Amino acid sequence: MAWRTIDTAYKDQRAMLMVREGVMHRAFIGRWSIKEGWWIDEAGDDRDPTHWMPLPQPPVSGEKS
């Protein structure tokens, strides 16, 4: 998977891995808030991400790595 620019991100409230390009690249789980009209993180705080990528599938119960 590769980082994609934010203009290509889903705006249907799906959770995504997001990051803001800059001094500190801190990734966070976020989504588009239809109600607010901007990007929010899982705590509901507004964010201004520049890039995103889909979240990986969670592990299957009992699966070993």
N, C-alpha and C. Protein backbone atom coordinates (compact mmCIF):
# COMPACT_ATOMS: atom_id res chain seq x y z
N MET A 1 0.84 -1.18 0.00
CA MET A 1 0.00 0.00 0.00
C MET A 1 0.88 1.24 0.00
N ALA A 2 0.40 2.28 -0.63
CA ALA A 2 1.14 3.53 -0.68
C ALA A 2 0.24 4.68 -0.22
N TRP A 3 0.87 5.73 0.29
CA TRP A 3 0.11 6.92 0.70
C TRP A 3 -0.50 7.58 -0.52
N ARG A 4 -1.71 8.07 -0.37
CA ARG A 4 -2.44 8.75 -1.44
C ARG A 4 -2.76 10.17 -0.98
N THR A 5 -2.90 11.10 -1.89
CA THR A 5 -3.23 12.47 -1.51
C THR A 5 -4.67 12.53 -1.00
N ILE A 6 -4.90 13.46 -0.09
CA ILE A 6 -6.19 13.54 0.60
C ILE A 6 -7.36 13.82 -0.35
N ASP A 7 -7.12 14.43 -1.47
CA ASP A 7 -8.21 14.71 -2.41
C ASP A 7 -8.80 13.44 -3.02
N THR A 8 -8.13 12.30 -2.83
CA THR A 8 -8.65 11.03 -3.36
C THR A 8 -9.31 10.17 -2.28
N ALA A 9 -9.37 10.68 -1.03
CA ALA A 9 -9.89 9.89 0.10
C ALA A 9 -11.40 9.73 0.05
N TYR A 10 -11.87 8.66 0.69
CA TYR A 10 -13.30 8.40 0.81
C TYR A 10 -13.96 9.51 1.62
N LYS A 11 -15.17 9.88 1.27
CA LYS A 11 -15.94 10.83 2.07
C LYS A 11 -17.27 10.20 2.46
N ASP A 12 -17.20 8.92 2.84
CA ASP A 12 -18.41 8.18 3.22
C ASP A 12 -18.32 7.64 4.65
N GLN A 13 -17.48 8.22 5.46
CA GLN A 13 -17.29 7.89 6.87
C GLN A 13 -16.53 6.59 7.12
N ARG A 14 -15.87 6.03 6.09
CA ARG A 14 -15.01 4.86 6.32
C ARG A 14 -13.75 5.31 7.04
N ALA A 15 -13.30 4.51 7.99
CA ALA A 15 -12.06 4.81 8.71
C ALA A 15 -10.87 4.55 7.80
N MET A 16 -9.86 5.43 7.91
CA MET A 16 -8.65 5.34 7.10
C MET A 16 -7.45 5.70 7.96
N LEU A 17 -6.27 5.26 7.56
CA LEU A 17 -5.04 5.71 8.17
C LEU A 17 -4.68 7.03 7.51
N MET A 18 -4.44 8.07 8.32
CA MET A 18 -4.20 9.40 7.77
C MET A 18 -2.94 10.00 8.38
N VAL A 19 -2.36 10.96 7.67
CA VAL A 19 -1.17 11.65 8.16
C VAL A 19 -1.16 13.07 7.61
N ARG A 20 -0.58 13.98 8.37
CA ARG A 20 -0.38 15.34 7.89
C ARG A 20 1.09 15.50 7.59
N GLU A 21 1.39 15.86 6.34
CA GLU A 21 2.76 16.07 5.92
C GLU A 21 3.31 17.30 6.64
N GLY A 22 4.52 17.23 7.11
CA GLY A 22 5.12 18.36 7.80
C GLY A 22 6.24 17.93 8.71
N VAL A 23 6.47 18.74 9.72
CA VAL A 23 7.58 18.49 10.64
C VAL A 23 7.42 17.15 11.35
N MET A 24 6.23 16.88 11.86
CA MET A 24 5.99 15.63 12.58
C MET A 24 4.94 14.83 11.83
N HIS A 25 5.34 13.72 11.25
CA HIS A 25 4.41 12.86 10.53
C HIS A 25 3.75 11.91 11.54
N ARG A 26 2.66 12.31 12.12
CA ARG A 26 1.94 11.45 13.06
C ARG A 26 0.73 10.87 12.37
N ALA A 27 0.72 9.57 12.26
CA ALA A 27 -0.42 8.89 11.64
C ALA A 27 -1.54 8.75 12.65
N PHE A 28 -2.76 8.77 12.15
CA PHE A 28 -3.93 8.59 13.01
C PHE A 28 -5.04 7.94 12.21
N ILE A 29 -5.99 7.33 12.90
CA ILE A 29 -7.17 6.78 12.27
C ILE A 29 -8.18 7.92 12.17
N GLY A 30 -8.70 8.16 11.00
CA GLY A 30 -9.65 9.25 10.83
C GLY A 30 -10.70 8.93 9.79
N ARG A 31 -11.61 9.87 9.62
CA ARG A 31 -12.69 9.71 8.64
C ARG A 31 -13.26 11.09 8.32
N TRP A 32 -14.03 11.17 7.25
CA TRP A 32 -14.71 12.40 6.88
C TRP A 32 -15.97 12.51 7.74
N SER A 33 -16.18 13.66 8.33
CA SER A 33 -17.39 13.89 9.11
C SER A 33 -18.41 14.58 8.21
N ILE A 34 -19.45 13.85 7.83
CA ILE A 34 -20.49 14.43 6.97
C ILE A 34 -21.17 15.59 7.70
N LYS A 35 -21.41 15.42 8.99
CA LYS A 35 -22.06 16.45 9.80
C LYS A 35 -21.22 17.73 9.87
N GLU A 36 -19.92 17.58 10.13
CA GLU A 36 -19.04 18.74 10.31
C GLU A 36 -18.46 19.27 9.00
N GLY A 37 -18.29 18.37 8.01
CA GLY A 37 -17.73 18.78 6.73
C GLY A 37 -16.22 18.91 6.72
N TRP A 38 -15.55 18.16 7.61
CA TRP A 38 -14.09 18.12 7.60
C TRP A 38 -13.61 16.79 8.17
N TRP A 39 -12.29 16.58 8.15
CA TRP A 39 -11.69 15.33 8.61
C TRP A 39 -11.60 15.33 10.13
N ILE A 40 -11.96 14.21 10.74
CA ILE A 40 -11.86 14.06 12.18
C ILE A 40 -11.12 12.77 12.52
N ASP A 41 -10.56 12.74 13.73
CA ASP A 41 -9.93 11.51 14.19
C ASP A 41 -10.94 10.70 14.99
N GLU A 42 -10.52 9.59 15.54
CA GLU A 42 -11.43 8.70 16.26
C GLU A 42 -12.02 9.34 17.52
N ALA A 43 -11.35 10.37 18.06
CA ALA A 43 -11.86 11.06 19.24
C ALA A 43 -12.85 12.17 18.86
N GLY A 44 -13.01 12.41 17.55
CA GLY A 44 -13.92 13.45 17.09
C GLY A 44 -13.27 14.82 16.95
N ASP A 45 -11.93 14.88 17.13
CA ASP A 45 -11.22 16.15 16.97
C ASP A 45 -10.96 16.42 15.50
N ASP A 46 -11.07 17.70 15.11
CA ASP A 46 -10.83 18.02 13.70
C ASP A 46 -9.34 17.91 13.39
N ARG A 47 -9.07 17.46 12.19
CA ARG A 47 -7.70 17.25 11.70
C ARG A 47 -7.58 17.82 10.30
N ASP A 48 -6.36 17.98 9.86
CA ASP A 48 -6.10 18.51 8.52
C ASP A 48 -5.07 17.62 7.82
N PRO A 49 -5.47 16.37 7.49
CA PRO A 49 -4.51 15.44 6.88
C PRO A 49 -4.17 15.84 5.45
N THR A 50 -3.00 15.40 5.01
CA THR A 50 -2.58 15.64 3.63
C THR A 50 -2.55 14.34 2.82
N HIS A 51 -2.46 13.19 3.52
CA HIS A 51 -2.38 11.89 2.85
C HIS A 51 -3.16 10.85 3.63
N TRP A 52 -3.49 9.76 2.95
CA TRP A 52 -4.25 8.67 3.56
C TRP A 52 -3.92 7.35 2.89
N MET A 53 -4.31 6.25 3.54
CA MET A 53 -4.29 4.93 2.92
C MET A 53 -5.35 4.08 3.62
N PRO A 54 -5.86 3.07 2.92
CA PRO A 54 -6.88 2.20 3.54
C PRO A 54 -6.28 1.45 4.73
N LEU A 55 -7.12 1.13 5.70
CA LEU A 55 -6.69 0.31 6.81
C LEU A 55 -6.54 -1.13 6.34
N PRO A 56 -5.58 -1.87 6.90
CA PRO A 56 -5.47 -3.29 6.55
C PRO A 56 -6.64 -4.06 7.17
N GLN A 57 -6.89 -5.24 6.67
CA GLN A 57 -7.91 -6.10 7.24
C GLN A 57 -7.45 -6.57 8.62
N PRO A 58 -8.35 -6.65 9.58
CA PRO A 58 -7.95 -7.15 10.91
C PRO A 58 -7.63 -8.65 10.83
N PRO A 59 -6.86 -9.14 11.80
CA PRO A 59 -6.53 -10.57 11.79
C PRO A 59 -7.77 -11.43 12.03
N VAL A 60 -7.72 -12.63 11.52
CA VAL A 60 -8.80 -13.59 11.74
C VAL A 60 -8.53 -14.27 13.07
N SER A 61 -9.56 -14.50 13.87
CA SER A 61 -9.41 -15.13 15.17
C SER A 61 -8.70 -16.46 15.04
N GLY A 62 -7.66 -16.65 15.84
CA GLY A 62 -6.90 -17.90 15.80
C GLY A 62 -5.80 -17.93 14.77
N GLU A 63 -5.69 -16.89 13.95
CA GLU A 63 -4.66 -16.84 12.91
C GLU A 63 -3.31 -16.56 13.55
N LYS A 64 -2.29 -17.28 13.10
CA LYS A 64 -0.92 -17.08 13.60
C LYS A 64 -0.10 -16.40 12.53
N SER A 65 0.82 -15.54 12.97
CA SER A 65 1.66 -14.84 12.00
C SER A 65 2.92 -15.60 11.69
